[in-house]
Amino acid sequence: MPPHALKRSTLLALCACVMVAQGMVAAINLLIPELSSSSLHPSHSEILWTVDAYVIVFAGLLVPAGALGDRNGRKGALLTGLALFAAGAATSALATTPAVLIAGRGLSGAGAALITPATLSIIMQLTTPEHRARAMAAWTLALGLGGAAGNIGGGLVGQFLSWRALFAVMVPLAVLLAAAVAVTTPRTERSAHSHPDPLGTLLLTGGLAAVLFGIIESQSYGWTSARILGAFVAGAVLICAFTVHALRSPAPLFDPRVFASPRLRATCLGTATGFFGLFSLFFLNSQYLQGVKGYGAALTGVAIMPLTIGMFLVPRFAARWSGRPRAVIGSGLGLIGLGLLGASTADAGTPYWGYACWLLVISAGTGLSMPALTLGVVTSLPPHQAGLGSGLGTTARETGAALGVAVTGTILSTHTDLTHGMGPSLRVVALIVLAATALVVLGYGGGRRSRLVTAGTEREPVRSASR
């Protein structure tokens, strides 16, 4: 039994934190036109880095940030993350050059990397197994709603305010969230089995950053350019070096043998697949509704709201089927793929209600699969490694999101007519999602952690007070 029950106020505060952190991934996309014509006069490359700096730092630091929270205290990591998030937002709001704006985005991304795994691991620590599925569903709902809220907020700011307002409003919001966390959230036990491992952190973060750079910048330089291929090679070398280091180190950041678990491999792939589809849609939704249908920025943000309906309603029913995770995950991801396939038929003559129906299908698939995927990732590891599990799951999400934008952007750039270009882009995305869904279902494996994972990582944690 956890020493503290998870109170509703605590759950709401934690979900609000992760919703804000995830929302800033999507919000900036609707402000690109205003940023391009602003007094900063950013180049095309600087615009790309303004968008991407947040997600690169966010994804690259997630695993070490989760391990840091496990060892040094999850509540402290969360409050530190909110402080960094606010500092980065203030820096961006006051930026006088593109470089300062990009630096502020990166600093906020570092804060988000501390926020997201800490929120999930606190929930894991404060819930009993019988209540965990519902708590995971609420957390996953907040994560999904963050993307939609980012679109809505970014659209409203782009329509009625300056781009600086998006960052400025994040500062008092982060302060309010920090106050809510301080009041409602108890400190949880720390794990002595999570280690800082500076060399491992450097190798893993550098490897992930290089791979994400290659994914994101591929639409600017081309998939076969020397710069992009070099980034992928560098990422592979650094990740291999991390693996060798972690296997030999007596105190690694985490043991790579955790991926011997079929469930962990499958749920990480499934998580990346779902967010690959969602953020492909977010990217193309803005292009389609603004460029083809002629909607303004605010209306474009609001038009994505059908995507939230299934995220609200379906997890309540999905929690009843928590004993059949393979079926729930496969059905949910399959619905996302089918919804994307249907949305790919939308063109200039498609009425909005027809497009919105396909958004509802995607929404239902997201609400069905994501809570089970989230729970699958974190329960594939021992309880004292909850932060690591959350970090791995969120890294899969952000990598899937970055890959979705890169793939759709690359396909879209080969078509001069956006009316016809959206269809091929979403069809390719839908087919990738459906193919990956089959791999997830086939690879999910049994319900228990593998013997190797248990032997290699599941040791009784040393209990000590949080700082």
Protein backbone atom coordinates (compact mmCIF):
# COMPACT_ATOMS: atom_id res chain seq x y z
CA MET A 1 0.00 0.00 0.00
CA PRO A 2 1.48 3.40 -0.94
CA PRO A 3 2.30 5.64 2.04
CA HIS A 4 0.11 8.35 0.51
CA ALA A 5 -3.08 7.81 -1.47
CA LEU A 6 -3.27 9.65 -4.77
CA LYS A 7 -5.69 12.51 -4.11
CA ARG A 8 -7.76 14.05 -6.87
CA SER A 9 -6.07 17.42 -6.33
CA THR A 10 -2.64 15.80 -6.76
CA LEU A 11 -3.70 14.01 -9.95
CA LEU A 12 -5.15 17.23 -11.40
CA ALA A 13 -1.95 19.18 -10.63
CA LEU A 14 0.27 16.49 -12.17
CA CYS A 15 -1.92 16.17 -15.27
CA ALA A 16 -1.95 19.95 -15.73
CA CYS A 17 1.86 19.98 -15.65
CA VAL A 18 2.23 17.33 -18.34
CA MET A 19 -0.51 18.93 -20.45
CA VAL A 20 1.33 22.26 -20.51
CA ALA A 21 4.68 20.62 -21.29
CA GLN A 22 3.22 18.62 -24.18
CA GLY A 23 1.19 21.58 -25.45
CA MET A 24 4.32 23.60 -26.16
CA VAL A 25 5.41 20.95 -28.68
CA ALA A 26 2.44 21.78 -30.91
CA ALA A 27 1.59 25.42 -30.14
CA ILE A 28 4.52 26.97 -31.98
CA ASN A 29 3.50 25.53 -35.36
CA LEU A 30 0.58 27.94 -35.78
CA LEU A 31 2.80 30.95 -35.05
CA ILE A 32 5.32 30.31 -37.83
CA PRO A 33 3.83 32.94 -40.23
CA GLU A 34 3.95 35.66 -37.55
CA LEU A 35 7.46 34.70 -36.45
CA SER A 36 8.69 34.80 -40.04
CA SER A 37 7.54 38.40 -40.45
CA SER A 38 8.53 39.57 -36.97
CA SER A 39 11.20 42.10 -36.05
CA LEU A 40 13.64 39.25 -35.36
CA HIS A 41 13.84 38.56 -39.12
CA PRO A 42 14.69 34.86 -38.66
CA SER A 43 16.01 32.86 -41.57
CA HIS A 44 14.29 29.68 -42.73
CA SER A 45 16.81 27.60 -40.80
CA GLU A 46 16.30 29.69 -37.65
CA ILE A 47 12.54 29.19 -37.90
CA LEU A 48 13.07 25.43 -38.06
CA TRP A 49 15.32 25.50 -35.00
CA THR A 50 12.80 27.65 -33.11
CA VAL A 51 10.27 24.88 -33.65
CA ASP A 52 12.66 21.96 -33.12
CA ALA A 53 14.94 23.06 -30.26
CA TYR A 54 12.25 22.31 -27.69
CA VAL A 55 11.51 18.78 -28.91
CA ILE A 56 15.18 17.84 -29.45
CA VAL A 57 16.19 18.81 -25.90
CA PHE A 58 12.92 17.43 -24.49
CA ALA A 59 13.38 13.99 -26.07
CA GLY A 60 17.15 13.85 -25.63
CA LEU A 61 17.08 14.42 -21.85
CA LEU A 62 14.03 12.36 -20.92
CA VAL A 63 15.77 9.15 -19.87
CA PRO A 64 18.48 10.77 -17.71
CA ALA A 65 15.89 13.18 -16.30
CA GLY A 66 13.66 10.27 -15.27
CA ALA A 67 16.59 8.47 -13.63
CA LEU A 68 17.62 11.70 -11.88
CA GLY A 69 14.14 12.05 -10.41
CA ASP A 70 14.13 8.43 -9.25
CA ARG A 71 17.39 8.94 -7.36
CA ASN A 72 17.15 12.50 -6.04
CA GLY A 73 13.42 12.91 -5.52
CA ARG A 74 10.60 13.12 -8.04
CA LYS A 75 8.83 16.10 -6.48
CA GLY A 76 12.08 18.07 -6.47
CA ALA A 77 12.72 17.13 -10.11
CA LEU A 78 9.20 18.29 -11.03
CA LEU A 79 9.58 21.65 -9.29
CA THR A 80 13.02 22.15 -10.86
CA GLY A 81 11.55 21.33 -14.25
CA LEU A 82 8.78 23.91 -13.83
CA ALA A 83 11.39 26.52 -12.87
CA LEU A 84 13.48 25.77 -15.98
CA PHE A 85 10.34 25.77 -18.12
CA ALA A 86 9.39 29.23 -16.83
CA ALA A 87 12.94 30.57 -17.26
CA GLY A 88 13.03 29.34 -20.85
CA ALA A 89 9.63 30.86 -21.60
CA ALA A 90 10.72 34.21 -20.17
CA THR A 91 13.90 34.11 -22.25
CA SER A 92 11.90 33.41 -25.41
CA ALA A 93 9.34 36.12 -24.66
CA LEU A 94 12.10 38.74 -24.21
CA ALA A 95 14.29 37.55 -27.10
CA THR A 96 15.80 40.23 -29.33
CA THR A 97 17.59 37.81 -31.67
CA PRO A 98 16.66 34.40 -33.12
CA ALA A 99 19.56 32.80 -31.22
CA VAL A 100 18.13 33.91 -27.86
CA LEU A 101 14.67 32.69 -28.86
CA ILE A 102 16.10 29.28 -29.79
CA ALA A 103 18.08 29.10 -26.55
CA GLY A 104 14.95 29.85 -24.55
CA ARG A 105 13.08 27.10 -26.35
CA GLY A 106 15.85 24.65 -25.54
CA LEU A 107 15.83 25.65 -21.86
CA SER A 108 12.07 25.09 -21.70
CA GLY A 109 12.61 21.70 -23.34
CA ALA A 110 15.04 20.75 -20.56
CA GLY A 111 12.37 21.71 -18.04
CA ALA A 112 9.78 19.60 -19.85
CA ALA A 113 12.18 16.64 -19.75
CA LEU A 114 12.17 16.83 -15.95
CA ILE A 115 8.43 17.46 -15.69
CA THR A 116 7.01 14.60 -17.74
CA PRO A 117 8.71 11.51 -16.24
CA ALA A 118 8.40 12.92 -12.72
CA THR A 119 4.62 13.30 -13.01
CA LEU A 120 4.11 9.73 -14.19
CA SER A 121 6.47 8.14 -11.68
CA ILE A 122 4.79 10.04 -8.81
CA ILE A 123 1.45 8.63 -9.94
CA MET A 124 2.97 5.15 -10.07
CA GLN A 125 4.30 5.52 -6.54
CA LEU A 126 1.03 6.82 -5.07
CA THR A 127 -1.43 4.35 -6.61
CA THR A 128 -2.24 0.77 -5.78
CA PRO A 129 -2.35 -1.72 -8.69
CA GLU A 130 -6.16 -1.78 -8.76
CA HIS A 131 -6.35 2.02 -9.19
CA ARG A 132 -3.33 2.40 -11.45
CA ALA A 133 -5.09 1.86 -14.78
CA ARG A 134 -7.53 4.72 -14.20
CA ALA A 135 -4.77 7.05 -13.05
CA MET A 136 -2.72 6.15 -16.13
CA ALA A 137 -5.75 6.87 -18.31
CA ALA A 138 -6.09 10.35 -16.78
CA TRP A 139 -2.37 11.07 -17.28
CA THR A 140 -2.49 9.84 -20.87
CA LEU A 141 -5.59 11.93 -21.52
CA ALA A 142 -3.72 15.01 -20.33
CA LEU A 143 -0.83 14.13 -22.62
CA GLY A 144 -3.11 13.80 -25.64
CA LEU A 145 -5.08 16.89 -24.76
CA GLY A 146 -1.80 18.81 -24.49
CA GLY A 147 -1.28 18.47 -28.24
CA ALA A 148 -4.83 19.60 -28.98
CA ALA A 149 -4.65 22.44 -26.43
CA GLY A 150 -1.36 23.56 -27.97
CA ASN A 151 -3.03 23.83 -31.35
CA ILE A 152 -5.97 25.76 -29.92
CA GLY A 153 -3.81 28.08 -27.81
CA GLY A 154 -1.31 28.68 -30.60
CA GLY A 155 -4.13 29.47 -33.00
CA LEU A 156 -5.78 31.97 -30.65
CA VAL A 157 -2.47 33.70 -29.93
CA GLY A 158 -1.64 33.82 -33.64
CA GLN A 159 -5.03 35.34 -34.41
CA PHE A 160 -5.34 37.94 -31.67
CA LEU A 161 -1.98 38.51 -29.91
CA SER A 162 1.76 38.72 -30.52
CA TRP A 163 3.90 35.58 -30.68
CA ARG A 164 5.64 36.81 -27.52
CA ALA A 165 2.37 36.38 -25.61
CA LEU A 166 2.53 32.59 -26.00
CA PHE A 167 5.80 32.49 -24.07
CA ALA A 168 4.93 35.28 -21.63
CA VAL A 169 1.77 33.54 -20.41
CA MET A 170 3.76 30.37 -19.68
CA VAL A 171 5.72 32.11 -16.90
CA PRO A 172 2.84 32.80 -14.45
CA LEU A 173 1.24 29.50 -15.49
CA ALA A 174 4.38 27.58 -14.50
CA VAL A 175 4.52 29.48 -11.19
CA LEU A 176 0.89 28.56 -10.44
CA LEU A 177 1.55 24.92 -11.31
CA ALA A 178 4.61 24.88 -9.05
CA ALA A 179 2.52 26.24 -6.18
CA ALA A 180 -0.14 23.58 -6.80
CA VAL A 181 2.47 20.82 -6.84
CA ALA A 182 4.12 22.12 -3.67
CA VAL A 183 0.80 22.09 -1.81
CA THR A 184 -0.86 18.93 -3.13
CA THR A 185 1.96 16.50 -3.94
CA PRO A 186 3.73 14.45 -1.25
CA ARG A 187 7.36 13.41 -1.53
CA THR A 188 7.91 9.82 -2.66
CA GLU A 189 10.62 7.31 -1.91
CA ARG A 190 13.89 7.61 -3.77
CA SER A 191 15.72 4.73 -5.43
CA ALA A 192 19.41 4.15 -4.76
CA HIS A 193 19.57 2.03 -7.93
CA SER A 194 19.20 5.00 -10.30
CA HIS A 195 22.57 6.58 -11.03
CA PRO A 196 23.63 9.94 -12.52
CA ASP A 197 26.24 8.29 -14.85
CA PRO A 198 27.54 11.50 -16.54
CA LEU A 199 29.31 9.66 -19.37
CA GLY A 200 26.28 7.50 -20.10
CA THR A 201 24.02 10.56 -20.02
CA LEU A 202 26.28 12.39 -22.47
CA LEU A 203 26.47 9.44 -24.87
CA LEU A 204 22.74 8.68 -24.79
CA THR A 205 21.61 12.30 -25.02
CA GLY A 206 24.07 13.02 -27.83
CA GLY A 207 22.96 9.94 -29.74
CA LEU A 208 19.26 10.73 -29.45
CA ALA A 209 19.86 14.38 -30.35
CA ALA A 210 21.81 13.36 -33.47
CA VAL A 211 19.08 10.96 -34.60
CA LEU A 212 16.36 13.54 -33.97
CA PHE A 213 18.38 16.17 -35.83
CA GLY A 214 18.52 13.83 -38.81
CA ILE A 215 14.78 13.13 -38.63
CA ILE A 216 13.70 16.73 -38.22
CA GLU A 217 16.14 18.39 -40.63
CA SER A 218 15.62 15.78 -43.37
CA GLN A 219 12.87 17.91 -44.87
CA SER A 220 15.32 20.80 -45.24
CA TYR A 221 18.40 18.97 -46.52
CA GLY A 222 16.97 15.73 -47.93
CA TRP A 223 17.14 12.21 -46.52
CA THR A 224 20.23 11.30 -48.58
CA SER A 225 22.26 14.46 -47.94
CA ALA A 226 25.67 14.12 -46.31
CA ARG A 227 24.55 16.17 -43.31
CA ILE A 228 21.53 13.96 -42.58
CA LEU A 229 23.33 10.66 -43.21
CA GLY A 230 26.19 11.89 -41.02
CA ALA A 231 23.73 12.70 -38.24
CA PHE A 232 22.25 9.21 -38.37
CA VAL A 233 25.70 7.59 -38.38
CA ALA A 234 26.81 9.76 -35.45
CA GLY A 235 23.63 8.90 -33.56
CA ALA A 236 24.09 5.18 -34.16
CA VAL A 237 27.74 5.30 -33.06
CA LEU A 238 26.93 7.22 -29.87
CA ILE A 239 24.03 4.93 -28.95
CA CYS A 240 26.21 1.85 -29.56
CA ALA A 241 28.92 3.44 -27.40
CA PHE A 242 26.33 4.04 -24.67
CA THR A 243 25.24 0.39 -24.85
CA VAL A 244 28.80 -0.88 -24.49
CA HIS A 245 29.45 1.56 -21.63
CA ALA A 246 26.21 0.62 -19.83
CA LEU A 247 26.89 -3.12 -20.09
CA ARG A 248 30.37 -2.70 -18.60
CA SER A 249 29.63 -0.02 -16.00
CA PRO A 250 28.85 -1.13 -12.43
CA ALA A 251 26.45 1.81 -12.09
CA PRO A 252 24.95 2.68 -15.51
CA LEU A 253 22.20 5.19 -16.24
CA PHE A 254 20.08 2.15 -17.05
CA ASP A 255 20.72 -1.43 -18.09
CA PRO A 256 20.08 -1.89 -21.87
CA ARG A 257 18.99 -5.44 -21.11
CA VAL A 258 15.62 -4.04 -20.05
CA PHE A 259 14.77 -4.24 -23.77
CA ALA A 260 14.91 -8.02 -23.49
CA SER A 261 11.29 -7.62 -22.38
CA PRO A 262 8.96 -8.19 -25.38
CA ARG A 263 6.33 -6.04 -23.69
CA LEU A 264 8.70 -3.09 -23.30
CA ARG A 265 9.84 -3.28 -26.92
CA ALA A 266 6.28 -3.58 -28.22
CA THR A 267 4.82 -0.81 -26.06
CA CYS A 268 7.64 1.61 -26.91
CA LEU A 269 7.05 0.90 -30.62
CA GLY A 270 3.30 1.28 -30.15
CA THR A 271 3.71 4.58 -28.31
CA ALA A 272 5.97 5.96 -31.04
CA THR A 273 3.50 4.75 -33.68
CA GLY A 274 0.52 6.48 -32.10
CA PHE A 275 2.31 9.82 -31.77
CA PHE A 276 3.78 9.44 -35.25
CA GLY A 277 0.22 9.38 -36.56
CA LEU A 278 -1.07 12.16 -34.28
CA PHE A 279 1.68 14.68 -34.99
CA SER A 280 1.59 13.93 -38.70
CA LEU A 281 -2.06 14.94 -38.48
CA PHE A 282 -1.30 18.06 -36.41
CA PHE A 283 1.24 19.20 -39.00
CA LEU A 284 -1.05 18.56 -41.98
CA ASN A 285 -4.19 19.85 -40.24
CA SER A 286 -2.71 23.34 -40.08
CA GLN A 287 -1.57 23.16 -43.71
CA TYR A 288 -4.91 21.80 -44.92
CA LEU A 289 -7.33 24.01 -43.02
CA GLN A 290 -5.36 27.24 -43.50
CA GLY A 291 -3.95 26.64 -46.98
CA VAL A 292 -6.81 24.72 -48.62
CA LYS A 293 -9.97 25.56 -46.68
CA GLY A 294 -8.96 29.17 -45.98
CA TYR A 295 -9.50 29.07 -42.21
CA GLY A 296 -7.86 31.64 -39.94
CA ALA A 297 -5.35 30.63 -37.27
CA ALA A 298 -7.90 30.65 -34.43
CA LEU A 299 -10.50 28.64 -36.35
CA THR A 300 -7.80 26.17 -37.40
CA GLY A 301 -6.90 25.59 -33.76
CA VAL A 302 -10.53 25.15 -32.71
CA ALA A 303 -11.28 22.81 -35.64
CA ILE A 304 -9.03 20.13 -34.13
CA MET A 305 -11.34 19.82 -31.08
CA PRO A 306 -13.16 16.65 -32.31
CA LEU A 307 -9.84 14.94 -31.69
CA THR A 308 -10.35 15.46 -27.94
CA ILE A 309 -13.77 13.80 -27.65
CA GLY A 310 -12.58 10.20 -27.81
CA MET A 311 -9.64 11.05 -25.57
CA PHE A 312 -12.14 12.15 -22.92
CA LEU A 313 -14.72 9.37 -23.23
CA VAL A 314 -12.99 6.19 -24.42
CA PRO A 315 -10.39 5.74 -21.61
CA ARG A 316 -13.23 5.27 -19.11
CA PHE A 317 -14.35 2.18 -21.03
CA ALA A 318 -10.84 1.05 -21.95
CA ALA A 319 -9.95 0.77 -18.25
CA ARG A 320 -12.51 -2.06 -17.97
CA TRP A 321 -10.52 -4.08 -20.52
CA SER A 322 -7.15 -3.62 -18.84
CA GLY A 323 -6.83 -7.41 -18.60
CA ARG A 324 -6.62 -7.68 -22.40
CA PRO A 325 -3.89 -5.15 -23.25
CA ARG A 326 -2.84 -6.73 -26.55
CA ALA A 327 -6.38 -6.49 -27.96
CA VAL A 328 -6.91 -2.96 -26.61
CA ILE A 329 -3.60 -1.68 -28.02
CA GLY A 330 -4.07 -3.36 -31.40
CA SER A 331 -7.65 -2.10 -31.76
CA GLY A 332 -6.72 1.44 -30.77
CA LEU A 333 -3.71 1.75 -33.07
CA GLY A 334 -5.74 0.15 -35.86
CA LEU A 335 -8.44 2.82 -35.46
CA ILE A 336 -5.77 5.55 -35.64
CA GLY A 337 -4.48 4.07 -38.91
CA LEU A 338 -7.97 3.72 -40.40
CA GLY A 339 -8.89 7.26 -39.33
CA LEU A 340 -5.76 8.67 -40.99
CA LEU A 341 -6.56 6.70 -44.13
CA GLY A 342 -10.04 8.21 -44.18
CA ALA A 343 -8.76 11.74 -43.47
CA SER A 344 -6.38 11.41 -46.44
CA THR A 345 -9.39 11.64 -48.75
CA ALA A 346 -10.14 15.23 -47.60
CA ASP A 347 -9.63 17.95 -50.22
CA ALA A 348 -10.92 21.44 -50.98
CA GLY A 349 -14.45 20.17 -51.62
CA THR A 350 -14.74 18.06 -48.46
CA PRO A 351 -17.20 19.53 -45.91
CA TYR A 352 -15.73 20.07 -42.48
CA TRP A 353 -18.14 17.63 -40.82
CA GLY A 354 -16.82 14.85 -43.07
CA TYR A 355 -13.25 15.61 -42.03
CA ALA A 356 -14.33 15.88 -38.37
CA CYS A 357 -15.80 12.36 -38.46
CA TRP A 358 -12.38 10.95 -39.28
CA LEU A 359 -10.90 13.01 -36.44
CA LEU A 360 -13.36 11.28 -34.12
CA VAL A 361 -12.18 7.86 -35.30
CA ILE A 362 -8.55 8.83 -34.64
CA SER A 363 -9.58 10.23 -31.26
CA ALA A 364 -11.30 6.98 -30.27
CA GLY A 365 -8.22 5.00 -31.25
CA THR A 366 -5.98 7.28 -29.20
CA GLY A 367 -8.20 7.07 -26.14
CA LEU A 368 -8.32 3.29 -26.44
CA SER A 369 -4.64 2.52 -26.96
CA MET A 370 -2.59 5.17 -25.18
CA PRO A 371 -3.47 4.37 -21.54
CA ALA A 372 -2.66 0.68 -22.11
CA LEU A 373 0.60 1.59 -23.87
CA THR A 374 1.63 3.93 -21.06
CA LEU A 375 0.85 1.33 -18.40
CA GLY A 376 2.64 -1.33 -20.44
CA VAL A 377 5.87 0.67 -20.58
CA VAL A 378 6.06 1.54 -16.90
CA THR A 379 4.98 -1.91 -15.63
CA SER A 380 7.58 -3.65 -17.80
CA LEU A 381 10.19 -2.37 -15.33
CA PRO A 382 10.53 -2.75 -11.55
CA PRO A 383 8.56 -0.19 -9.47
CA HIS A 384 11.73 1.60 -8.31
CA GLN A 385 12.52 2.36 -11.98
CA ALA A 386 9.21 4.13 -12.66
CA GLY A 387 11.02 7.30 -13.73
CA LEU A 388 13.13 5.37 -16.21
CA GLY A 389 10.03 3.68 -17.64
CA SER A 390 8.29 7.04 -17.98
CA GLY A 391 11.40 8.49 -19.63
CA LEU A 392 11.58 5.65 -22.16
CA GLY A 393 7.87 5.96 -22.95
CA THR A 394 8.00 9.72 -23.40
CA THR A 395 11.16 9.46 -25.50
CA ALA A 396 9.21 7.11 -27.77
CA ARG A 397 6.38 9.66 -27.97
CA GLU A 398 8.59 12.62 -28.85
CA THR A 399 10.65 10.58 -31.33
CA GLY A 400 7.43 9.41 -32.99
CA ALA A 401 6.15 12.99 -33.09
CA ALA A 402 9.39 14.29 -34.65
CA LEU A 403 9.42 11.48 -37.21
CA GLY A 404 5.79 12.14 -38.13
CA VAL A 405 6.47 15.82 -38.88
CA ALA A 406 9.62 14.96 -40.84
CA VAL A 407 8.00 12.26 -42.98
CA THR A 408 4.87 14.27 -43.79
CA GLY A 409 6.91 17.41 -44.43
CA THR A 410 9.22 15.54 -46.80
CA ILE A 411 6.34 14.00 -48.75
CA LEU A 412 4.41 17.27 -48.81
CA SER A 413 7.43 19.19 -50.13
CA THR A 414 7.37 17.12 -53.33
CA HIS A 415 3.86 18.37 -54.20
CA THR A 416 3.27 21.94 -55.29
CA ASP A 417 -0.51 21.57 -55.02
CA LEU A 418 -1.41 21.17 -51.33
CA THR A 419 -4.92 19.99 -52.23
CA HIS A 420 -3.45 16.87 -53.79
CA GLY A 421 -0.37 16.75 -51.58
CA MET A 422 -2.18 16.06 -48.30
CA GLY A 423 -3.71 12.81 -49.57
CA PRO A 424 -0.43 11.05 -50.41
CA SER A 425 1.17 12.25 -47.18
CA LEU A 426 -1.55 10.91 -44.91
CA ARG A 427 -1.92 7.70 -46.90
CA VAL A 428 1.76 6.91 -46.38
CA VAL A 429 1.46 7.75 -42.68
CA ALA A 430 -1.67 5.57 -42.34
CA LEU A 431 0.02 2.58 -43.99
CA ILE A 432 3.06 2.97 -41.72
CA VAL A 433 0.79 3.09 -38.66
CA LEU A 434 -1.12 -0.02 -39.74
CA ALA A 435 2.08 -1.95 -40.51
CA ALA A 436 3.61 -0.96 -37.16
CA THR A 437 0.38 -1.96 -35.40
CA ALA A 438 0.78 -5.50 -36.72
CA LEU A 439 4.36 -5.60 -35.39
CA VAL A 440 3.23 -4.35 -31.98
CA VAL A 441 0.48 -6.97 -31.69
CA LEU A 442 2.77 -9.79 -32.82
CA GLY A 443 5.67 -8.67 -30.63
CA TYR A 444 3.76 -7.89 -27.43
CA GLY A 445 4.61 -11.23 -25.88
CA GLY A 446 3.53 -12.43 -22.46
CA GLY A 447 2.38 -10.40 -19.53
CA ARG A 448 5.46 -10.88 -17.34
CA ARG A 449 8.83 -9.24 -17.47
CA SER A 450 11.50 -11.45 -18.96
CA ARG A 451 13.75 -13.47 -16.64
CA LEU A 452 16.78 -11.56 -17.92
CA VAL A 453 15.22 -8.19 -17.12
CA THR A 454 14.24 -9.33 -13.66
CA ALA A 455 17.67 -10.71 -12.94
CA GLY A 456 19.48 -7.73 -14.34
CA THR A 457 17.48 -4.85 -12.93
CA GLU A 458 14.83 -5.81 -10.41
CA ARG A 459 16.51 -5.45 -7.05
CA GLU A 460 14.91 -4.26 -3.89
CA PRO A 461 15.40 -0.48 -3.71
CA VAL A 462 16.99 1.15 -0.72
CA ARG A 463 14.35 3.28 0.89
CA SER A 464 15.34 6.75 1.92
CA ALA A 465 13.64 10.06 2.40
CA SER A 466 13.24 12.38 -0.55
CA ARG A 467 14.98 15.66 -0.66
